[in-house]
Amino acid sequence: MLDCLRLDITSDVHVKIDLHTHILPRDWPDLDAKYGYGGFVRLDHYKPCCARMMIGGRVFREITDNVWEPKRRIEEMDQAGVSMQALSTVPVMFSYWAKPADALDLSRLLNDHIAEVVRAHPTHFAGLGTLPLQGVDLAARELERCVLELGLRGVEIGTHVDPNDHCHGPECRNLDHPSLDLVWKTAQDLNAAIFVHPWDMMGKERMPKYWLPWLVGMPAETSLAICSMIFGGVFERFTKLRVAFSHGGGAFPGTIGRIDHGFHVRPDLVAIDNKTNPRKYLANDEGPARFYVDSLVHDVDALKLLINLFGVQRVALGSDYPFPLGESHAGKLIESMNLSSKEETQLLAGTAREFLGLK
């Protein structure tokens, strides 16, 4: 299934494939009422072309119709010169805290919608599903359905899975947790892409002001996810697993020196599950990095660091469309860097094409 989708183009020149964009259905049922407990997102369409994402009586975020209307998205893609978007849900919809069966039901609703949009506009969109990671057996089966039945390229997942009154798993699970090996194996067997995006930021109770959960907690979450997979040996056990991390890998690129140093000076604390130097997973004489990141760093020097650490073959255009912390004109930062034509082409389209399996 994954080898069948082809872009209707003959070259990556002047092509942009945006790996990091979010979409929602325009409407869905009242999930609090449907499942019998609160905490789920509903949309309040309080005026034309606008809606509030509500959790209980609290406004989580205001959105406009470019979140749910494909024709509007395509108009804005054309304005930015974007050829294709990879669609994934808004991370607050992961609902890892919910009962597994309810999270599966919601995942299926969201995945069916993304697949429907892709089917209607196959040259403009590719799809990434979502999984109920709090129930790994359910998650593995839904991953199979996403790829084999719906034709999605893979899935978007969060940086961790938290316990909750409704989720009867043990402790908070980072991405090195052994229970998730079933998901990694299923993804590897299906040749499915895994896009990792933070959803619930560590330390948010200490950061109520200045939007700090998004500015500080979110980059830290992504670094935690990368380090968990490296030090937990996930890439050693699943050597063909294809994983990308959002927001340029968060805080990881800027702290790799400290991470590497810690590995060497305190192996008794750091190298307990994996003896491989974390730098071995980055670009070196043998080739590009073991995993991917998107380009969403908003800074030329930061993007240069990503290219140096990962190689252009592992950095993909990502805009976080259509949200304020994203890049308003997808690819503008890459295009501003006076790179070679080959490097720019790889960053704008080639890496995303390879990650998504768009042969």
Protein backbone atom coordinates (compact mmCIF):
# COMPACT_ATOMS: atom_id res chain seq x y z
CA MET A 1 0.00 0.00 0.00
CA LEU A 2 2.76 2.43 0.94
CA ASP A 3 4.49 2.07 -2.42
CA CYS A 4 1.45 3.08 -4.49
CA LEU A 5 1.20 6.84 -3.89
CA ARG A 6 3.07 9.00 -6.38
CA LEU A 7 3.20 12.76 -6.65
CA ASP A 8 2.18 13.99 -10.08
CA ILE A 9 5.55 15.65 -10.64
CA THR A 10 8.78 14.60 -12.31
CA SER A 11 11.28 16.57 -10.21
CA ASP A 12 11.61 18.01 -6.70
CA VAL A 13 12.70 21.39 -8.15
CA HIS A 14 10.27 24.10 -6.95
CA VAL A 15 8.37 21.50 -4.92
CA LYS A 16 7.59 21.87 -1.22
CA ILE A 17 6.33 18.99 0.89
CA ASP A 18 5.33 20.20 4.36
CA LEU A 19 5.76 17.40 6.87
CA HIS A 20 4.22 19.19 9.84
CA THR A 21 0.63 20.42 9.47
CA HIS A 22 -2.51 19.84 11.53
CA ILE A 23 -6.13 19.22 10.61
CA LEU A 24 -9.46 18.52 12.33
CA PRO A 25 -12.92 17.55 11.14
CA ARG A 26 -15.37 20.43 11.11
CA ASP A 27 -17.69 18.57 13.49
CA TRP A 28 -17.74 15.53 15.73
CA PRO A 29 -20.07 14.23 18.48
CA ASP A 30 -20.10 15.55 22.05
CA LEU A 31 -17.41 13.20 23.35
CA ASP A 32 -17.96 13.99 27.04
CA ALA A 33 -21.56 12.84 26.65
CA LYS A 34 -20.67 9.91 24.41
CA TYR A 35 -18.04 8.44 26.74
CA GLY A 36 -19.57 9.52 30.03
CA TYR A 37 -16.73 11.63 31.46
CA GLY A 38 -15.11 14.96 30.74
CA GLY A 39 -11.86 16.24 29.34
CA PHE A 40 -12.43 15.85 25.59
CA VAL A 41 -12.27 18.64 23.04
CA ARG A 42 -15.38 20.03 21.36
CA LEU A 43 -15.68 22.75 18.75
CA ASP A 44 -17.78 25.84 19.34
CA HIS A 45 -18.50 27.40 15.93
CA TYR A 46 -19.33 30.76 17.45
CA LYS A 47 -19.12 32.76 14.20
CA PRO A 48 -18.63 32.04 10.49
CA CYS A 49 -15.24 30.52 9.59
CA CYS A 50 -14.12 30.53 13.24
CA ALA A 51 -14.39 28.12 16.15
CA ARG A 52 -13.18 27.70 19.69
CA MET A 53 -11.61 24.43 20.80
CA MET A 54 -13.27 23.91 24.18
CA ILE A 55 -12.32 21.57 27.04
CA GLY A 56 -15.14 21.70 29.53
CA GLY A 57 -15.88 25.41 29.89
CA ARG A 58 -12.32 26.48 29.06
CA VAL A 59 -11.13 27.79 25.70
CA PHE A 60 -8.06 25.80 24.65
CA ARG A 61 -7.49 27.56 21.32
CA GLU A 62 -9.30 29.61 18.71
CA ILE A 63 -9.05 28.33 15.16
CA THR A 64 -10.27 29.32 11.73
CA ASP A 65 -11.61 27.33 8.83
CA ASN A 66 -8.16 26.56 7.40
CA VAL A 67 -7.99 23.90 10.14
CA TRP A 68 -10.93 21.93 8.70
CA GLU A 69 -11.60 23.20 5.18
CA PRO A 70 -9.40 21.53 2.50
CA LYS A 71 -10.17 24.10 -0.19
CA ARG A 72 -9.03 26.90 2.10
CA ARG A 73 -5.85 24.97 2.88
CA ILE A 74 -5.12 24.46 -0.80
CA GLU A 75 -5.57 28.18 -1.48
CA GLU A 76 -3.02 29.00 1.25
CA MET A 77 -0.69 26.24 0.08
CA ASP A 78 -0.71 27.76 -3.38
CA GLN A 79 0.12 31.17 -1.94
CA ALA A 80 3.17 29.69 -0.16
CA GLY A 81 4.15 27.45 -3.07
CA VAL A 82 3.50 24.27 -1.05
CA SER A 83 2.84 21.25 -3.25
CA MET A 84 1.78 18.77 -0.56
CA GLN A 85 1.00 18.74 3.15
CA ALA A 86 1.28 15.78 5.50
CA LEU A 87 -1.89 15.98 7.59
CA SER A 88 -1.94 15.01 11.26
CA THR A 89 -4.35 15.73 14.07
CA VAL A 90 -3.94 18.52 16.63
CA PRO A 91 -1.96 16.86 19.47
CA VAL A 92 -4.50 17.77 22.16
CA MET A 93 -6.74 15.22 20.44
CA PHE A 94 -4.39 12.30 21.32
CA SER A 95 -6.38 11.80 24.57
CA TYR A 96 -3.88 9.32 26.02
CA TRP A 97 -5.46 9.93 29.41
CA ALA A 98 -8.81 8.45 28.30
CA LYS A 99 -10.04 4.87 28.57
CA PRO A 100 -8.28 2.88 25.82
CA ALA A 101 -11.48 1.82 24.05
CA ASP A 102 -12.71 5.42 23.95
CA ALA A 103 -9.36 6.69 22.67
CA LEU A 104 -9.51 4.04 19.96
CA ASP A 105 -12.99 5.17 18.94
CA LEU A 106 -11.81 8.77 18.73
CA SER A 107 -8.66 7.77 16.84
CA ARG A 108 -10.74 5.93 14.25
CA LEU A 109 -12.96 8.99 13.78
CA LEU A 110 -9.95 11.26 13.24
CA ASN A 111 -8.13 8.76 11.02
CA ASP A 112 -11.17 8.16 8.83
CA HIS A 113 -11.48 11.91 8.35
CA ILE A 114 -7.83 12.36 7.35
CA ALA A 115 -8.08 9.44 4.93
CA GLU A 116 -11.22 10.96 3.41
CA VAL A 117 -9.44 14.30 2.82
CA VAL A 118 -6.45 12.53 1.26
CA ARG A 119 -8.70 10.47 -1.03
CA ALA A 120 -10.46 13.64 -2.18
CA HIS A 121 -7.18 15.51 -2.83
CA PRO A 122 -4.46 12.87 -3.37
CA THR A 123 -1.95 15.19 -5.02
CA HIS A 124 -2.19 17.81 -2.27
CA PHE A 125 -2.25 15.74 0.90
CA ALA A 126 -0.70 12.69 2.55
CA GLY A 127 -2.02 11.40 5.86
CA LEU A 128 -0.64 10.49 9.28
CA GLY A 129 -3.04 8.83 11.70
CA THR A 130 -3.25 8.85 15.49
CA LEU A 131 -3.20 5.91 17.93
CA PRO A 132 -4.55 5.08 21.40
CA LEU A 133 -1.07 4.52 22.84
CA GLN A 134 -2.44 3.84 26.33
CA GLY A 135 -3.59 0.49 24.92
CA VAL A 136 -0.73 -0.88 22.84
CA ASP A 137 -2.65 -3.84 21.41
CA LEU A 138 -5.37 -1.48 20.21
CA ALA A 139 -2.74 0.94 18.95
CA ALA A 140 -0.96 -1.73 16.92
CA ARG A 141 -4.21 -2.84 15.30
CA GLU A 142 -5.19 0.75 14.49
CA LEU A 143 -1.76 1.35 12.99
CA GLU A 144 -2.33 -1.64 10.72
CA ARG A 145 -5.73 -0.25 9.74
CA CYS A 146 -4.26 3.19 9.06
CA VAL A 147 -1.71 1.80 6.62
CA LEU A 148 -3.36 -1.25 5.09
CA GLU A 149 -6.97 -0.06 4.89
CA LEU A 150 -6.86 3.73 4.92
CA GLY A 151 -3.66 4.21 2.94
CA LEU A 152 -2.08 6.60 5.44
CA ARG A 153 1.71 6.99 5.40
CA GLY A 154 2.11 6.34 9.10
CA VAL A 155 1.10 8.02 12.35
CA GLU A 156 1.72 11.01 14.57
CA ILE A 157 2.31 10.17 18.25
CA GLY A 158 3.05 12.11 21.42
CA THR A 159 6.25 12.32 23.43
CA HIS A 160 4.94 10.23 26.33
CA VAL A 161 1.86 8.43 27.64
CA ASP A 162 0.60 9.52 31.04
CA PRO A 163 -1.37 7.46 33.55
CA ASN A 164 -4.79 8.72 34.57
CA ASP A 165 -7.87 7.69 36.50
CA HIS A 166 -9.29 6.36 33.23
CA CYS A 167 -6.04 4.77 32.00
CA HIS A 168 -5.11 1.76 34.08
CA GLY A 169 -1.50 1.42 32.90
CA PRO A 170 1.29 1.63 35.50
CA GLU A 171 3.62 4.65 35.50
CA CYS A 172 4.09 7.46 33.03
CA ARG A 173 5.53 5.86 29.91
CA ASN A 174 8.25 7.59 27.93
CA LEU A 175 9.01 6.29 24.45
CA ASP A 176 11.56 3.79 25.73
CA HIS A 177 8.90 1.90 27.68
CA PRO A 178 8.99 -1.83 26.79
CA SER A 179 5.23 -1.93 26.24
CA LEU A 180 5.64 0.32 23.19
CA ASP A 181 7.88 -2.20 21.42
CA LEU A 182 4.76 -3.72 19.88
CA VAL A 183 3.99 -0.37 18.23
CA TRP A 184 7.58 0.03 17.00
CA LYS A 185 7.62 -3.48 15.59
CA THR A 186 4.30 -2.98 13.84
CA ALA A 187 5.48 0.30 12.32
CA GLN A 188 8.73 -1.26 11.16
CA ASP A 189 6.95 -4.25 9.63
CA LEU A 190 4.55 -1.94 7.79
CA ASN A 191 7.29 0.49 6.73
CA ALA A 192 5.17 3.19 8.37
CA ALA A 193 6.50 6.63 9.30
CA ILE A 194 6.34 7.82 12.93
CA PHE A 195 6.09 11.57 13.52
CA VAL A 196 6.62 12.55 17.18
CA HIS A 197 4.95 15.73 18.48
CA PRO A 198 4.71 16.97 22.12
CA TRP A 199 1.24 17.20 23.61
CA ASP A 200 1.43 17.71 27.40
CA MET A 201 4.40 19.68 28.62
CA MET A 202 6.47 18.78 31.64
CA GLY A 203 6.54 21.33 34.45
CA LYS A 204 3.53 23.25 33.16
CA GLU A 205 2.30 23.76 36.72
CA ARG A 206 5.47 25.82 37.33
CA MET A 207 5.08 27.82 34.11
CA PRO A 208 1.65 29.43 34.17
CA LYS A 209 2.84 32.77 32.74
CA TYR A 210 4.43 34.01 29.54
CA TRP A 211 3.26 31.03 27.43
CA LEU A 212 6.22 29.13 28.89
CA PRO A 213 4.74 25.63 28.47
CA TRP A 214 4.90 26.22 24.70
CA LEU A 215 8.20 28.12 24.70
CA VAL A 216 10.16 26.06 27.25
CA GLY A 217 8.23 22.89 28.08
CA MET A 218 7.51 21.84 24.52
CA PRO A 219 11.16 21.85 23.33
CA ALA A 220 12.14 19.98 26.50
CA GLU A 221 9.45 17.36 25.85
CA THR A 222 10.83 16.65 22.39
CA SER A 223 14.37 16.30 23.72
CA LEU A 224 13.09 13.91 26.38
CA ALA A 225 11.46 11.79 23.68
CA ILE A 226 14.64 11.66 21.59
CA CYS A 227 16.83 10.80 24.58
CA SER A 228 14.37 8.14 25.72
CA MET A 229 14.51 6.40 22.36
CA ILE A 230 18.30 6.68 22.13
CA PHE A 231 19.18 5.63 25.67
CA GLY A 232 16.40 3.05 25.74
CA GLY A 233 17.91 1.31 22.71
CA VAL A 234 14.79 1.61 20.56
CA PHE A 235 16.83 2.35 17.42
CA GLU A 236 19.04 -0.66 18.20
CA ARG A 237 16.11 -3.05 18.50
CA PHE A 238 14.26 -1.67 15.47
CA THR A 239 16.95 -0.80 12.98
CA LYS A 240 14.58 0.05 10.13
CA LEU A 241 12.16 2.16 12.17
CA ARG A 242 11.59 5.58 10.56
CA VAL A 243 11.01 8.35 13.12
CA ALA A 244 10.86 12.16 12.80
CA PHE A 245 10.68 14.68 15.64
CA SER A 246 8.87 17.99 15.37
CA HIS A 247 10.17 21.51 16.08
CA GLY A 248 13.68 20.71 14.93
CA GLY A 249 14.13 18.16 17.68
CA GLY A 250 13.26 20.70 20.37
CA ALA A 251 16.03 21.29 22.90
CA PHE A 252 18.03 18.24 21.81
CA PRO A 253 20.34 19.87 19.20
CA GLY A 254 21.35 22.64 21.58
CA THR A 255 22.13 20.24 24.42
CA ILE A 256 23.77 17.35 22.54
CA GLY A 257 27.15 18.33 24.02
CA ARG A 258 25.82 17.96 27.54
CA ILE A 259 24.01 14.73 26.64
CA ASP A 260 27.14 13.25 25.08
CA HIS A 261 29.31 14.37 28.00
CA GLY A 262 26.91 12.79 30.50
CA PHE A 263 27.04 9.53 28.58
CA HIS A 264 30.83 9.43 28.98
CA VAL A 265 31.27 10.67 32.56
CA ARG A 266 28.32 8.83 34.18
CA PRO A 267 27.75 5.66 32.16
CA ASP A 268 26.50 4.07 35.38
CA LEU A 269 23.48 6.40 35.19
CA VAL A 270 23.15 7.05 31.45
CA ALA A 271 24.37 4.00 29.54
CA ILE A 272 22.39 1.43 31.49
CA ASP A 273 20.18 0.17 28.65
CA ASN A 274 22.21 1.13 25.57
CA LYS A 275 26.00 1.34 25.36
CA THR A 276 25.96 3.22 22.04
CA ASN A 277 27.27 6.79 22.09
CA PRO A 278 24.34 9.14 21.32
CA ARG A 279 26.47 10.94 18.71
CA LYS A 280 26.52 7.72 16.69
CA TYR A 281 22.88 8.42 15.85
CA LEU A 282 23.77 11.79 14.31
CA ALA A 283 25.35 12.55 10.93
CA ASN A 284 28.89 11.22 10.60
CA ASP A 285 31.31 9.87 7.99
CA GLU A 286 29.04 6.86 7.49
CA GLY A 287 25.99 8.91 6.51
CA PRO A 288 23.11 11.07 7.80
CA ALA A 289 21.48 10.79 11.21
CA ARG A 290 19.49 7.74 12.30
CA PHE A 291 16.30 9.79 12.74
CA TYR A 292 14.67 12.86 11.22
CA VAL A 293 13.68 16.33 12.41
CA ASP A 294 11.60 19.05 10.81
CA SER A 295 12.92 22.51 9.99
CA LEU A 296 10.70 24.50 12.37
CA VAL A 297 13.29 26.45 14.37
CA HIS A 298 12.66 30.08 13.27
CA ASP A 299 16.38 30.91 13.23
CA VAL A 300 19.04 30.63 10.54
CA ASP A 301 21.82 29.59 12.93
CA ALA A 302 19.56 26.97 14.53
CA LEU A 303 18.74 25.53 11.11
CA LYS A 304 22.44 25.47 10.21
CA LEU A 305 23.03 23.47 13.40
CA LEU A 306 20.33 20.97 12.40
CA ILE A 307 21.91 20.51 8.98
CA ASN A 308 25.30 20.00 10.59
CA LEU A 309 24.04 17.50 13.18
CA PHE A 310 21.58 15.54 11.04
CA GLY A 311 22.53 16.13 7.41
CA VAL A 312 20.16 17.58 4.81
CA GLN A 313 18.83 14.05 4.19
CA ARG A 314 17.27 14.07 7.66
CA VAL A 315 15.87 17.62 7.90
CA ALA A 316 12.41 18.08 6.36
CA LEU A 317 10.36 21.19 5.76
CA GLY A 318 7.82 21.55 8.56
CA SER A 319 5.65 24.62 9.18
CA ASP A 320 3.16 23.67 11.95
CA TYR A 321 0.44 25.06 9.66
CA PRO A 322 -1.92 26.71 10.51
CA PHE A 323 -0.93 27.76 14.05
CA PRO A 324 0.77 30.95 15.34
CA LEU A 325 4.01 29.27 16.50
CA GLY A 326 4.48 27.89 13.01
CA GLU A 327 6.20 29.33 9.97
CA SER A 328 3.62 31.55 8.30
CA HIS A 329 5.19 31.11 4.84
CA ALA A 330 6.34 27.50 4.70
CA GLY A 331 9.95 27.13 3.59
CA LYS A 332 10.87 30.83 3.80
CA LEU A 333 13.67 30.19 6.30
CA ILE A 334 15.19 27.47 4.14
CA GLU A 335 14.94 29.65 1.05
CA SER A 336 16.71 32.52 2.84
CA MET A 337 19.91 30.57 3.51
CA ASN A 338 21.68 30.69 0.13
CA LEU A 339 22.09 26.93 0.09
CA SER A 340 23.04 25.01 -3.00
CA SER A 341 20.14 24.07 -5.27
CA LYS A 342 20.63 20.42 -4.33
CA GLU A 343 20.56 21.12 -0.58
CA GLU A 344 17.54 23.41 -0.80
CA THR A 345 15.63 20.90 -2.91
CA GLN A 346 16.38 18.15 -0.40
CA LEU A 347 15.19 20.24 2.56
CA LEU A 348 12.05 21.54 0.85
CA ALA A 349 10.85 18.21 -0.55
CA GLY A 350 13.33 15.37 -0.77
CA THR A 351 13.58 14.51 2.91
CA ALA A 352 9.83 14.58 3.49
CA ARG A 353 9.31 12.50 0.35
CA GLU A 354 11.69 9.84 1.65
CA PHE A 355 10.32 9.91 5.20
CA LEU A 356 6.73 9.56 4.03
CA GLY A 357 7.60 6.88 1.48
CA LEU A 358 6.41 8.90 -1.53
CA LYS A 359 8.33 7.01 -4.18
